[in-house]
Amino acid sequence: MAATSRWSLRNIYLYLVCLITLIMVIVAAVGLVRNVVELVYPDPGFYDRPIVSVDGEVKQSEEDIVAQNELWEKQDRRNTILGFVGNGAMLLIAGPLYLYHWRKIEVELTDEDADDSES
């Protein structure tokens, strides 16, 4: 009788939610580690040479190249921080959901074990 109640629709739902939220927690944790590494060890950036036209005329000055590289560095840092915040939010949402549903499963299993031992 315990085998049929263990695989009830409610328990299948609880196990599926636990599986999905556990995967989300793992993905968020990996993303957080990656974002921390990107903040500590950023992308070296692009070091372009000036754009030269066919007739040999320089279309970009050194100041333009430096300004462009600084802009790319700021954009890369911004994207890293946004990824860090996004992964942190996913971890803060999926973690408690996983714990809540897993505790529901544990409570139901201990209740079933107590009912089986009484009968």
PDB file of N, CA and C in Angstrom:
ATOM      1  N   MET A   1       0.817  -1.187   0.000  1.00  0.00           N
ATOM      2  CA  MET A   1       0.000   0.000   0.000  1.00  0.00           C
ATOM      3  C   MET A   1       0.865   1.256   0.000  1.00  0.00           C
ATOM      4  N   ALA A   2       2.018   1.182   0.637  1.00  0.00           N
ATOM      5  CA  ALA A   2       2.909   2.332   0.679  1.00  0.00           C
ATOM      6  C   ALA A   2       3.447   2.656  -0.703  1.00  0.00           C
ATOM      7  N   ALA A   3       3.609   1.640  -1.568  1.00  0.00           N
ATOM      8  CA  ALA A   3       4.154   1.885  -2.906  1.00  0.00           C
ATOM      9  C   ALA A   3       3.175   2.686  -3.753  1.00  0.00           C
ATOM     10  N   THR A   4       1.871   2.441  -3.597  1.00  0.00           N
ATOM     11  CA  THR A   4       0.903   3.192  -4.398  1.00  0.00           C
ATOM     12  C   THR A   4       0.792   4.626  -3.917  1.00  0.00           C
ATOM     13  N   SER A   5       0.843   4.842  -2.597  1.00  0.00           N
ATOM     14  CA  SER A   5       0.727   6.207  -2.103  1.00  0.00           C
ATOM     15  C   SER A   5       2.007   7.004  -2.348  1.00  0.00           C
ATOM     16  N   ARG A   6       3.147   6.315  -2.431  1.00  0.00           N
ATOM     17  CA  ARG A   6       4.408   7.017  -2.690  1.00  0.00           C
ATOM     18  C   ARG A   6       4.405   7.640  -4.076  1.00  0.00           C
ATOM     19  N   TRP A   7       3.755   7.017  -5.046  1.00  0.00           N
ATOM     20  CA  TRP A   7       3.724   7.532  -6.403  1.00  0.00           C
ATOM     21  C   TRP A   7       2.371   8.138  -6.745  1.00  0.00           C
ATOM     22  N   SER A   8       1.795   8.833  -5.789  1.00  0.00           N
ATOM     23  CA  SER A   8       0.555   9.542  -6.061  1.00  0.00           C
ATOM     24  C   SER A   8       0.861  10.764  -6.923  1.00  0.00           C
ATOM     25  N   LEU A   9      -0.164  11.341  -7.469  1.00  0.00           N
ATOM     26  CA  LEU A   9       0.008  12.511  -8.325  1.00  0.00           C
ATOM     27  C   LEU A   9       0.666  13.663  -7.561  1.00  0.00           C
ATOM     28  N   ARG A  10       0.306  13.808  -6.314  1.00  0.00           N
ATOM     29  CA  ARG A  10       0.887  14.866  -5.473  1.00  0.00           C
ATOM     30  C   ARG A  10       2.388  14.640  -5.275  1.00  0.00           C
ATOM     31  N   ASN A  11       2.791  13.408  -4.991  1.00  0.00           N
ATOM     32  CA  ASN A  11       4.216  13.122  -4.783  1.00  0.00           C
ATOM     33  C   ASN A  11       5.015  13.262  -6.072  1.00  0.00           C
ATOM     34  N   ILE A  12       4.437  12.880  -7.186  1.00  0.00           N
ATOM     35  CA  ILE A  12       5.124  13.071  -8.464  1.00  0.00           C
ATOM     36  C   ILE A  12       5.344  14.557  -8.705  1.00  0.00           C
ATOM     37  N   TYR A  13       4.316  15.359  -8.419  1.00  0.00           N
ATOM     38  CA  TYR A  13       4.452  16.806  -8.544  1.00  0.00           C
ATOM     39  C   TYR A  13       5.581  17.333  -7.645  1.00  0.00           C
ATOM     40  N   LEU A  14       5.601  16.897  -6.402  1.00  0.00           N
ATOM     41  CA  LEU A  14       6.635  17.365  -5.472  1.00  0.00           C
ATOM     42  C   LEU A  14       8.034  16.968  -5.936  1.00  0.00           C
ATOM     43  N   TYR A  15       8.186  15.740  -6.416  1.00  0.00           N
ATOM     44  CA  TYR A  15       9.499  15.310  -6.910  1.00  0.00           C
ATOM     45  C   TYR A  15       9.912  16.090  -8.153  1.00  0.00           C
ATOM     46  N   LEU A  16       8.985  16.362  -9.056  1.00  0.00           N
ATOM     47  CA  LEU A  16       9.309  17.133 -10.256  1.00  0.00           C
ATOM     48  C   LEU A  16       9.718  18.564  -9.916  1.00  0.00           C
ATOM     49  N   VAL A  17       9.003  19.179  -8.985  1.00  0.00           N
ATOM     50  CA  VAL A  17       9.370  20.539  -8.575  1.00  0.00           C
ATOM     51  C   VAL A  17      10.751  20.527  -7.936  1.00  0.00           C
ATOM     52  N   CYS A  18      11.031  19.521  -7.121  1.00  0.00           N
ATOM     53  CA  CYS A  18      12.360  19.418  -6.505  1.00  0.00           C
ATOM     54  C   CYS A  18      13.443  19.246  -7.560  1.00  0.00           C
ATOM     55  N   LEU A  19      13.190  18.408  -8.557  1.00  0.00           N
ATOM     56  CA  LEU A  19      14.177  18.201  -9.618  1.00  0.00           C
ATOM     57  C   LEU A  19      14.442  19.494 -10.385  1.00  0.00           C
ATOM     58  N   ILE A  20      13.387  20.183 -10.764  1.00  0.00           N
ATOM     59  CA  ILE A  20      13.545  21.416 -11.546  1.00  0.00           C
ATOM     60  C   ILE A  20      14.247  22.491 -10.728  1.00  0.00           C
ATOM     61  N   THR A  21      13.839  22.680  -9.487  1.00  0.00           N
ATOM     62  CA  THR A  21      14.467  23.723  -8.678  1.00  0.00           C
ATOM     63  C   THR A  21      15.905  23.365  -8.315  1.00  0.00           C
ATOM     64  N   LEU A  22      16.205  22.074  -8.152  1.00  0.00           N
ATOM     65  CA  LEU A  22      17.589  21.680  -7.898  1.00  0.00           C
ATOM     66  C   LEU A  22      18.471  21.989  -9.108  1.00  0.00           C
ATOM     67  N   ILE A  23      17.962  21.724 -10.304  1.00  0.00           N
ATOM     68  CA  ILE A  23      18.703  22.070 -11.518  1.00  0.00           C
ATOM     69  C   ILE A  23      18.907  23.580 -11.595  1.00  0.00           C
ATOM     70  N   MET A  24      17.877  24.346 -11.243  1.00  0.00           N
ATOM     71  CA  MET A  24      18.010  25.806 -11.259  1.00  0.00           C
ATOM     72  C   MET A  24      19.066  26.277 -10.264  1.00  0.00           C
ATOM     73  N   VAL A  25      19.108  25.661  -9.093  1.00  0.00           N
ATOM     74  CA  VAL A  25      20.109  26.030  -8.083  1.00  0.00           C
ATOM     75  C   VAL A  25      21.509  25.725  -8.597  1.00  0.00           C
ATOM     76  N   ILE A  26      21.681  24.586  -9.239  1.00  0.00           N
ATOM     77  CA  ILE A  26      23.002  24.225  -9.776  1.00  0.00           C
ATOM     78  C   ILE A  26      23.423  25.201 -10.874  1.00  0.00           C
ATOM     79  N   VAL A  27      22.512  25.511 -11.785  1.00  0.00           N
ATOM     80  CA  VAL A  27      22.825  26.447 -12.872  1.00  0.00           C
ATOM     81  C   VAL A  27      23.158  27.824 -12.304  1.00  0.00           C
ATOM     82  N   ALA A  28      22.394  28.276 -11.313  1.00  0.00           N
ATOM     83  CA  ALA A  28      22.658  29.585 -10.708  1.00  0.00           C
ATOM     84  C   ALA A  28      23.992  29.609  -9.985  1.00  0.00           C
ATOM     85  N   ALA A  29      24.326  28.539  -9.299  1.00  0.00           N
ATOM     86  CA  ALA A  29      25.608  28.481  -8.588  1.00  0.00           C
ATOM     87  C   ALA A  29      26.779  28.512  -9.568  1.00  0.00           C
ATOM     88  N   VAL A  30      26.663  27.772 -10.654  1.00  0.00           N
ATOM     89  CA  VAL A  30      27.715  27.790 -11.678  1.00  0.00           C
ATOM     90  C   VAL A  30      27.828  29.188 -12.289  1.00  0.00           C
ATOM     91  N   GLY A  31      26.689  29.810 -12.565  1.00  0.00           N
ATOM     92  CA  GLY A  31      26.705  31.165 -13.113  1.00  0.00           C
ATOM     93  C   GLY A  31      27.327  32.170 -12.161  1.00  0.00           C
ATOM     94  N   LEU A  32      27.045  32.032 -10.873  1.00  0.00           N
ATOM     95  CA  LEU A  32      27.642  32.934  -9.888  1.00  0.00           C
ATOM     96  C   LEU A  32      29.162  32.778  -9.844  1.00  0.00           C
ATOM     97  N   VAL A  33      29.628  31.544  -9.866  1.00  0.00           N
ATOM     98  CA  VAL A  33      31.074  31.319  -9.864  1.00  0.00           C
ATOM     99  C   VAL A  33      31.700  31.931 -11.107  1.00  0.00           C
ATOM    100  N   ARG A  34      31.069  31.731 -12.245  1.00  0.00           N
ATOM    101  CA  ARG A  34      31.585  32.304 -13.495  1.00  0.00           C
ATOM    102  C   ARG A  34      31.623  33.831 -13.428  1.00  0.00           C
ATOM    103  N   ASN A  35      30.568  34.451 -12.898  1.00  0.00           N
ATOM    104  CA  ASN A  35      30.535  35.910 -12.798  1.00  0.00           C
ATOM    105  C   ASN A  35      31.575  36.440 -11.826  1.00  0.00           C
ATOM    106  N   VAL A  36      31.808  35.742 -10.738  1.00  0.00           N
ATOM    107  CA  VAL A  36      32.850  36.161  -9.796  1.00  0.00           C
ATOM    108  C   VAL A  36      34.218  36.098 -10.476  1.00  0.00           C
ATOM    109  N   VAL A  37      34.454  35.031 -11.232  1.00  0.00           N
ATOM    110  CA  VAL A  37      35.727  34.909 -11.947  1.00  0.00           C
ATOM    111  C   VAL A  37      35.864  36.028 -12.976  1.00  0.00           C
ATOM    112  N   GLU A  38      34.786  36.365 -13.655  1.00  0.00           N
ATOM    113  CA  GLU A  38      34.837  37.452 -14.636  1.00  0.00           C
ATOM    114  C   GLU A  38      35.105  38.803 -13.970  1.00  0.00           C
ATOM    115  N   LEU A  39      34.591  38.985 -12.759  1.00  0.00           N
ATOM    116  CA  LEU A  39      34.869  40.246 -12.058  1.00  0.00           C
ATOM    117  C   LEU A  39      36.320  40.311 -11.591  1.00  0.00           C
ATOM    118  N   VAL A  40      36.848  39.191 -11.139  1.00  0.00           N
ATOM    119  CA  VAL A  40      38.220  39.151 -10.643  1.00  0.00           C
ATOM    120  C   VAL A  40      39.218  39.146 -11.802  1.00  0.00           C
ATOM    121  N   TYR A  41      38.897  38.409 -12.846  1.00  0.00           N
ATOM    122  CA  TYR A  41      39.796  38.276 -13.987  1.00  0.00           C
ATOM    123  C   TYR A  41      39.026  38.666 -15.252  1.00  0.00           C
ATOM    124  N   PRO A  42      38.920  39.963 -15.544  1.00  0.00           N
ATOM    125  CA  PRO A  42      38.085  40.406 -16.673  1.00  0.00           C
ATOM    126  C   PRO A  42      38.698  40.073 -18.033  1.00  0.00           C
ATOM    127  N   ASP A  43      37.870  40.160 -19.027  1.00  0.00           N
ATOM    128  CA  ASP A  43      38.300  39.960 -20.410  1.00  0.00           C
ATOM    129  C   ASP A  43      39.324  41.042 -20.756  1.00  0.00           C
ATOM    130  N   PRO A  44      40.443  40.652 -21.371  1.00  0.00           N
ATOM    131  CA  PRO A  44      41.473  41.653 -21.659  1.00  0.00           C
ATOM    132  C   PRO A  44      41.028  42.724 -22.634  1.00  0.00           C
ATOM    133  N   GLY A  45      39.975  42.487 -23.372  1.00  0.00           N
ATOM    134  CA  GLY A  45      39.458  43.511 -24.271  1.00  0.00           C
ATOM    135  C   GLY A  45      40.044  43.406 -25.660  1.00  0.00           C
ATOM    136  N   PHE A  46      39.692  44.386 -26.462  1.00  0.00           N
ATOM    137  CA  PHE A  46      40.127  44.418 -27.848  1.00  0.00           C
ATOM    138  C   PHE A  46      41.143  45.531 -28.025  1.00  0.00           C
ATOM    139  N   TYR A  47      42.189  45.232 -28.727  1.00  0.00           N
ATOM    140  CA  TYR A  47      43.203  46.230 -29.018  1.00  0.00           C
ATOM    141  C   TYR A  47      43.301  46.353 -30.534  1.00  0.00           C
ATOM    142  N   ASP A  48      42.392  47.142 -31.065  1.00  0.00           N
ATOM    143  CA  ASP A  48      42.327  47.310 -32.510  1.00  0.00           C
ATOM    144  C   ASP A  48      43.364  48.300 -33.002  1.00  0.00           C
ATOM    145  N   ARG A  49      43.771  48.060 -34.205  1.00  0.00           N
ATOM    146  CA  ARG A  49      44.609  49.032 -34.885  1.00  0.00           C
ATOM    147  C   ARG A  49      43.693  50.058 -35.532  1.00  0.00           C
ATOM    148  N   PRO A  50      44.196  51.204 -35.869  1.00  0.00           N
ATOM    149  CA  PRO A  50      43.349  52.203 -36.524  1.00  0.00           C
ATOM    150  C   PRO A  50      42.787  51.670 -37.840  1.00  0.00           C
ATOM    151  N   ILE A  51      41.572  52.088 -38.131  1.00  0.00           N
ATOM    152  CA  ILE A  51      40.948  51.715 -39.396  1.00  0.00           C
ATOM    153  C   ILE A  51      41.562  52.590 -40.485  1.00  0.00           C
ATOM    154  N   VAL A  52      42.066  51.932 -41.506  1.00  0.00           N
ATOM    155  CA  VAL A  52      42.731  52.642 -42.596  1.00  0.00           C
ATOM    156  C   VAL A  52      41.944  52.407 -43.870  1.00  0.00           C
ATOM    157  N   SER A  53      41.675  53.480 -44.599  1.00  0.00           N
ATOM    158  CA  SER A  53      40.940  53.359 -45.855  1.00  0.00           C
ATOM    159  C   SER A  53      41.854  52.823 -46.948  1.00  0.00           C
ATOM    160  N   VAL A  54      41.290  52.593 -48.107  1.00  0.00           N
ATOM    161  CA  VAL A  54      42.027  52.036 -49.233  1.00  0.00           C
ATOM    162  C   VAL A  54      43.171  52.958 -49.659  1.00  0.00           C
ATOM    163  N   ASP A  55      42.945  54.255 -49.585  1.00  0.00           N
ATOM    164  CA  ASP A  55      43.986  55.188 -50.017  1.00  0.00           C
ATOM    165  C   ASP A  55      45.002  55.484 -48.915  1.00  0.00           C
ATOM    166  N   GLY A  56      44.921  54.792 -47.771  1.00  0.00           N
ATOM    167  CA  GLY A  56      45.913  54.940 -46.714  1.00  0.00           C
ATOM    168  C   GLY A  56      45.567  55.973 -45.666  1.00  0.00           C
ATOM    169  N   GLU A  57      44.384  56.529 -45.732  1.00  0.00           N
ATOM    170  CA  GLU A  57      43.970  57.547 -44.765  1.00  0.00           C
ATOM    171  C   GLU A  57      43.469  56.880 -43.483  1.00  0.00           C
ATOM    172  N   VAL A  58      43.971  57.321 -42.347  1.00  0.00           N
ATOM    173  CA  VAL A  58      43.552  56.772 -41.055  1.00  0.00           C
ATOM    174  C   VAL A  58      42.182  57.332 -40.702  1.00  0.00           C
ATOM    175  N   LYS A  59      41.238  56.429 -40.415  1.00  0.00           N
ATOM    176  CA  LYS A  59      39.879  56.858 -40.108  1.00  0.00           C
ATOM    177  C   LYS A  59      39.599  56.917 -38.612  1.00  0.00           C
ATOM    178  N   GLN A  60      40.527  56.415 -37.809  1.00  0.00           N
ATOM    179  CA  GLN A  60      40.311  56.375 -36.372  1.00  0.00           C
ATOM    180  C   GLN A  60      41.598  56.805 -35.679  1.00  0.00           C
ATOM    181  N   SER A  61      41.462  57.682 -34.716  1.00  0.00           N
ATOM    182  CA  SER A  61      42.642  58.131 -33.981  1.00  0.00           C
ATOM    183  C   SER A  61      42.898  57.209 -32.793  1.00  0.00           C
ATOM    184  N   GLU A  62      44.063  57.376 -32.174  1.00  0.00           N
ATOM    185  CA  GLU A  62      44.399  56.584 -30.981  1.00  0.00           C
ATOM    186  C   GLU A  62      43.426  56.875 -29.847  1.00  0.00           C
ATOM    187  N   GLU A  63      43.005  58.135 -29.728  1.00  0.00           N
ATOM    188  CA  GLU A  63      42.047  58.486 -28.668  1.00  0.00           C
ATOM    189  C   GLU A  63      40.721  57.762 -28.872  1.00  0.00           C
ATOM    190  N   ASP A  64      40.308  57.652 -30.144  1.00  0.00           N
ATOM    191  CA  ASP A  64      39.063  56.939 -30.437  1.00  0.00           C
ATOM    192  C   ASP A  64      39.178  55.453 -30.066  1.00  0.00           C
ATOM    193  N   ILE A  65      40.331  54.870 -30.352  1.00  0.00           N
ATOM    194  CA  ILE A  65      40.539  53.454 -30.033  1.00  0.00           C
ATOM    195  C   ILE A  65      40.540  53.243 -28.524  1.00  0.00           C
ATOM    196  N   VAL A  66      41.226  54.130 -27.790  1.00  0.00           N
ATOM    197  CA  VAL A  66      41.261  54.034 -26.326  1.00  0.00           C
ATOM    198  C   VAL A  66      39.859  54.220 -25.756  1.00  0.00           C
ATOM    199  N   ALA A  67      39.124  55.200 -26.274  1.00  0.00           N
ATOM    200  CA  ALA A  67      37.761  55.438 -25.790  1.00  0.00           C
ATOM    201  C   ALA A  67      36.870  54.234 -26.077  1.00  0.00           C
ATOM    202  N   GLN A  68      37.017  53.634 -27.245  1.00  0.00           N
ATOM    203  CA  GLN A  68      36.226  52.460 -27.599  1.00  0.00           C
ATOM    204  C   GLN A  68      36.559  51.284 -26.684  1.00  0.00           C
ATOM    205  N   ASN A  69      37.832  51.082 -26.402  1.00  0.00           N
ATOM    206  CA  ASN A  69      38.230  49.994 -25.493  1.00  0.00           C
ATOM    207  C   ASN A  69      37.695  50.213 -24.086  1.00  0.00           C
ATOM    208  N   GLU A  70      37.719  51.458 -23.608  1.00  0.00           N
ATOM    209  CA  GLU A  70      37.152  51.752 -22.283  1.00  0.00           C
ATOM    210  C   GLU A  70      35.656  51.487 -22.268  1.00  0.00           C
ATOM    211  N   LEU A  71      34.989  51.852 -23.349  1.00  0.00           N
ATOM    212  CA  LEU A  71      33.546  51.600 -23.444  1.00  0.00           C
ATOM    213  C   LEU A  71      33.259  50.107 -23.423  1.00  0.00           C
ATOM    214  N   TRP A  72      34.062  49.315 -24.140  1.00  0.00           N
ATOM    215  CA  TRP A  72      33.880  47.862 -24.133  1.00  0.00           C
ATOM    216  C   TRP A  72      34.130  47.277 -22.750  1.00  0.00           C
ATOM    217  N   GLU A  73      35.135  47.789 -22.039  1.00  0.00           N
ATOM    218  CA  GLU A  73      35.418  47.297 -20.688  1.00  0.00           C
ATOM    219  C   GLU A  73      34.265  47.596 -19.738  1.00  0.00           C
ATOM    220  N   LYS A  74      33.706  48.816 -19.838  1.00  0.00           N
ATOM    221  CA  LYS A  74      32.567  49.168 -18.990  1.00  0.00           C
ATOM    222  C   LYS A  74      31.351  48.310 -19.316  1.00  0.00           C
ATOM    223  N   GLN A  75      31.118  48.066 -20.598  1.00  0.00           N
ATOM    224  CA  GLN A  75      29.979  47.252 -20.995  1.00  0.00           C
ATOM    225  C   GLN A  75      30.163  45.803 -20.522  1.00  0.00           C
ATOM    226  N   ASP A  76      31.378  45.290 -20.628  1.00  0.00           N
ATOM    227  CA  ASP A  76      31.658  43.933 -20.172  1.00  0.00           C
ATOM    228  C   ASP A  76      31.452  43.815 -18.666  1.00  0.00           C
ATOM    229  N   ARG A  77      31.905  44.803 -17.909  1.00  0.00           N
ATOM    230  CA  ARG A  77      31.718  44.801 -16.450  1.00  0.00           C
ATOM    231  C   ARG A  77      30.235  44.895 -16.091  1.00  0.00           C
ATOM    232  N   ARG A  78      29.502  45.730 -16.811  1.00  0.00           N
ATOM    233  CA  ARG A  78      28.060  45.868 -16.567  1.00  0.00           C
ATOM    234  C   ARG A  78      27.348  44.540 -16.826  1.00  0.00           C
ATOM    235  N   ASN A  79      27.670  43.888 -17.947  1.00  0.00           N
ATOM    236  CA  ASN A  79      27.040  42.603 -18.252  1.00  0.00           C
ATOM    237  C   ASN A  79      27.386  41.542 -17.214  1.00  0.00           C
ATOM    238  N   THR A  80      28.605  41.575 -16.707  1.00  0.00           N
ATOM    239  CA  THR A  80      29.004  40.626 -15.670  1.00  0.00           C
ATOM    240  C   THR A  80      28.212  40.862 -14.391  1.00  0.00           C
ATOM    241  N   ILE A  81      28.054  42.113 -14.013  1.00  0.00           N
ATOM    242  CA  ILE A  81      27.296  42.434 -12.799  1.00  0.00           C
ATOM    243  C   ILE A  81      25.824  42.063 -12.972  1.00  0.00           C
ATOM    244  N   LEU A  82      25.259  42.328 -14.156  1.00  0.00           N
ATOM    245  CA  LEU A  82      23.870  41.937 -14.404  1.00  0.00           C
ATOM    246  C   LEU A  82      23.705  40.419 -14.346  1.00  0.00           C
ATOM    247  N   GLY A  83      24.668  39.676 -14.873  1.00  0.00           N
ATOM    248  CA  GLY A  83      24.621  38.218 -14.773  1.00  0.00           C
ATOM    249  C   GLY A  83      24.733  37.752 -13.335  1.00  0.00           C
ATOM    250  N   PHE A  84      25.588  38.413 -12.573  1.00  0.00           N
ATOM    251  CA  PHE A  84      25.755  38.085 -11.152  1.00  0.00           C
ATOM    252  C   PHE A  84      24.437  38.290 -10.404  1.00  0.00           C
ATOM    253  N   VAL A  85      23.787  39.415 -10.650  1.00  0.00           N
ATOM    254  CA  VAL A  85      22.513  39.710  -9.981  1.00  0.00           C
ATOM    255  C   VAL A  85      21.430  38.724 -10.426  1.00  0.00           C
ATOM    256  N   GLY A  86      21.392  38.421 -11.714  1.00  0.00           N
ATOM    257  CA  GLY A  86      20.389  37.473 -12.218  1.00  0.00           C
ATOM    258  C   GLY A  86      20.561  36.085 -11.639  1.00  0.00           C
ATOM    259  N   ASN A  87      21.804  35.612 -11.602  1.00  0.00           N
ATOM    260  CA  ASN A  87      22.054  34.289 -11.025  1.00  0.00           C
ATOM    261  C   ASN A  87      21.802  34.268  -9.522  1.00  0.00           C
ATOM    262  N   GLY A  88      22.133  35.362  -8.847  1.00  0.00           N
ATOM    263  CA  GLY A  88      21.852  35.453  -7.417  1.00  0.00           C
ATOM    264  C   GLY A  88      20.362  35.428  -7.136  1.00  0.00           C
ATOM    265  N   ALA A  89      19.588  36.142  -7.967  1.00  0.00           N
ATOM    266  CA  ALA A  89      18.129  36.137  -7.797  1.00  0.00           C
ATOM    267  C   ALA A  89      17.555  34.748  -8.039  1.00  0.00           C
ATOM    268  N   MET A  90      18.063  34.054  -9.067  1.00  0.00           N
ATOM    269  CA  MET A  90      17.571  32.703  -9.335  1.00  0.00           C
ATOM    270  C   MET A  90      17.904  31.775  -8.169  1.00  0.00           C
ATOM    271  N   LEU A  91      19.086  31.925  -7.604  1.00  0.00           N
ATOM    272  CA  LEU A  91      19.469  31.107  -6.456  1.00  0.00           C
ATOM    273  C   LEU A  91      18.593  31.414  -5.246  1.00  0.00           C
ATOM    274  N   LEU A  92      18.307  32.692  -5.013  1.00  0.00           N
ATOM    275  CA  LEU A  92      17.479  33.078  -3.868  1.00  0.00           C
ATOM    276  C   LEU A  92      16.023  32.652  -4.024  1.00  0.00           C
ATOM    277  N   ILE A  93      15.562  32.481  -5.244  1.00  0.00           N
ATOM    278  CA  ILE A  93      14.178  32.048  -5.460  1.00  0.00           C
ATOM    279  C   ILE A  93      14.094  30.522  -5.502  1.00  0.00           C
ATOM    280  N   ALA A  94      14.979  29.881  -6.259  1.00  0.00           N
ATOM    281  CA  ALA A  94      14.883  28.429  -6.444  1.00  0.00           C
ATOM    282  C   ALA A  94      15.306  27.654  -5.199  1.00  0.00           C
ATOM    283  N   GLY A  95      16.274  28.170  -4.444  1.00  0.00           N
ATOM    284  CA  GLY A  95      16.748  27.474  -3.250  1.00  0.00           C
ATOM    285  C   GLY A  95      15.656  27.235  -2.215  1.00  0.00           C
ATOM    286  N   PRO A  96      14.973  28.295  -1.772  1.00  0.00           N
ATOM    287  CA  PRO A  96      13.888  28.081  -0.805  1.00  0.00           C
ATOM    288  C   PRO A  96      12.731  27.244  -1.363  1.00  0.00           C
ATOM    289  N   LEU A  97      12.439  27.385  -2.655  1.00  0.00           N
ATOM    290  CA  LEU A  97      11.385  26.545  -3.240  1.00  0.00           C
ATOM    291  C   LEU A  97      11.761  25.068  -3.170  1.00  0.00           C
ATOM    292  N   TYR A  98      13.012  24.776  -3.472  1.00  0.00           N
ATOM    293  CA  TYR A  98      13.490  23.396  -3.383  1.00  0.00           C
ATOM    294  C   TYR A  98      13.374  22.887  -1.945  1.00  0.00           C
ATOM    295  N   LEU A  99      13.869  23.670  -0.991  1.00  0.00           N
ATOM    296  CA  LEU A  99      13.824  23.235   0.410  1.00  0.00           C
ATOM    297  C   LEU A  99      12.393  23.028   0.894  1.00  0.00           C
ATOM    298  N   TYR A 100      11.487  23.908   0.519  1.00  0.00           N
ATOM    299  CA  TYR A 100      10.095  23.783   0.932  1.00  0.00           C
ATOM    300  C   TYR A 100       9.487  22.480   0.413  1.00  0.00           C
ATOM    301  N   HIS A 101       9.654  22.221  -0.888  1.00  0.00           N
ATOM    302  CA  HIS A 101       9.047  21.025  -1.458  1.00  0.00           C
ATOM    303  C   HIS A 101       9.732  19.748  -0.959  1.00  0.00           C
ATOM    304  N   TRP A 102      11.047  19.808  -0.756  1.00  0.00           N
ATOM    305  CA  TRP A 102      11.746  18.616  -0.260  1.00  0.00           C
ATOM    306  C   TRP A 102      11.304  18.289   1.166  1.00  0.00           C
ATOM    307  N   ARG A 103      11.099  19.303   1.966  1.00  0.00           N
ATOM    308  CA  ARG A 103      10.608  19.065   3.336  1.00  0.00           C
ATOM    309  C   ARG A 103       9.202  18.485   3.321  1.00  0.00           C
ATOM    310  N   LYS A 104       8.377  18.923   2.369  1.00  0.00           N
ATOM    311  CA  LYS A 104       7.034  18.343   2.245  1.00  0.00           C
ATOM    312  C   LYS A 104       7.136  16.844   1.948  1.00  0.00           C
ATOM    313  N   ILE A 105       8.046  16.462   1.077  1.00  0.00           N
ATOM    314  CA  ILE A 105       8.233  15.045   0.749  1.00  0.00           C
ATOM    315  C   ILE A 105       8.690  14.281   1.984  1.00  0.00           C
ATOM    316  N   GLU A 106       9.660  14.829   2.717  1.00  0.00           N
ATOM    317  CA  GLU A 106      10.171  14.148   3.908  1.00  0.00           C
ATOM    318  C   GLU A 106       9.085  13.976   4.964  1.00  0.00           C
ATOM    319  N   VAL A 107       8.261  15.017   5.145  1.00  0.00           N
ATOM    320  CA  VAL A 107       7.185  14.936   6.131  1.00  0.00           C
ATOM    321  C   VAL A 107       6.185  13.858   5.727  1.00  0.00           C
ATOM    322  N   GLU A 108       5.827  13.811   4.464  1.00  0.00           N
ATOM    323  CA  GLU A 108       4.869  12.800   4.015  1.00  0.00           C
ATOM    324  C   GLU A 108       5.449  11.388   4.124  1.00  0.00           C
ATOM    325  N   LEU A 109       6.732  11.240   3.850  1.00  0.00           N
ATOM    326  CA  LEU A 109       7.344   9.911   3.977  1.00  0.00           C
ATOM    327  C   LEU A 109       7.408   9.462   5.429  1.00  0.00           C
ATOM    328  N   THR A 110       7.732  10.373   6.337  1.00  0.00           N
ATOM    329  CA  THR A 110       7.766   9.993   7.750  1.00  0.00           C
ATOM    330  C   THR A 110       6.361   9.705   8.269  1.00  0.00           C
ATOM    331  N   ASP A 111       5.360  10.438   7.775  1.00  0.00           N
ATOM    332  CA  ASP A 111       3.974  10.162   8.162  1.00  0.00           C
ATOM    333  C   ASP A 111       3.535   8.789   7.652  1.00  0.00           C
ATOM    334  N   GLU A 112       3.921   8.447   6.414  1.00  0.00           N
ATOM    335  CA  GLU A 112       3.568   7.134   5.863  1.00  0.00           C
ATOM    336  C   GLU A 112       4.261   6.018   6.638  1.00  0.00           C
ATOM    337  N   ASP A 113       5.519   6.232   6.996  1.00  0.00           N
ATOM    338  CA  ASP A 113       6.248   5.222   7.770  1.00  0.00           C
ATOM    339  C   ASP A 113       5.610   5.033   9.135  1.00  0.00           C
ATOM    340  N   ALA A 114       5.153   6.125   9.741  1.00  0.00           N
ATOM    341  CA  ALA A 114       4.488   6.010  11.042  1.00  0.00           C
ATOM    342  C   ALA A 114       3.161   5.289  10.918  1.00  0.00           C
ATOM    343  N   ASP A 115       2.421   5.568   9.834  1.00  0.00           N
ATOM    344  CA  ASP A 115       1.134   4.891   9.610  1.00  0.00           C
ATOM    345  C   ASP A 115       1.354   3.400   9.334  1.00  0.00           C
ATOM    346  N   ASP A 116       2.402   3.062   8.574  1.00  0.00           N
ATOM    347  CA  ASP A 116       2.675   1.660   8.265  1.00  0.00           C
ATOM    348  C   ASP A 116       3.096   0.889   9.506  1.00  0.00           C
ATOM    349  N   SER A 117       3.853   1.520  10.394  1.00  0.00           N
ATOM    350  CA  SER A 117       4.305   0.820  11.588  1.00  0.00           C
ATOM    351  C   SER A 117       3.174   0.626  12.602  1.00  0.00           C
ATOM    352  N   GLU A 118       2.162   1.499  12.575  1.00  0.00           N
ATOM    353  CA  GLU A 118       1.034   1.362  13.487  1.00  0.00           C
ATOM    354  C   GLU A 118       0.098   0.246  13.064  1.00  0.00           C
ATOM    355  N   SER A 119      -0.018   0.016  11.766  1.00  0.00           N
ATOM    356  CA  SER A 119      -0.974  -1.005  11.301  1.00  0.00           C
ATOM    357  C   SER A 119      -0.398  -2.379  11.188  1.00  0.00           C
TER     358      SER A 119
END
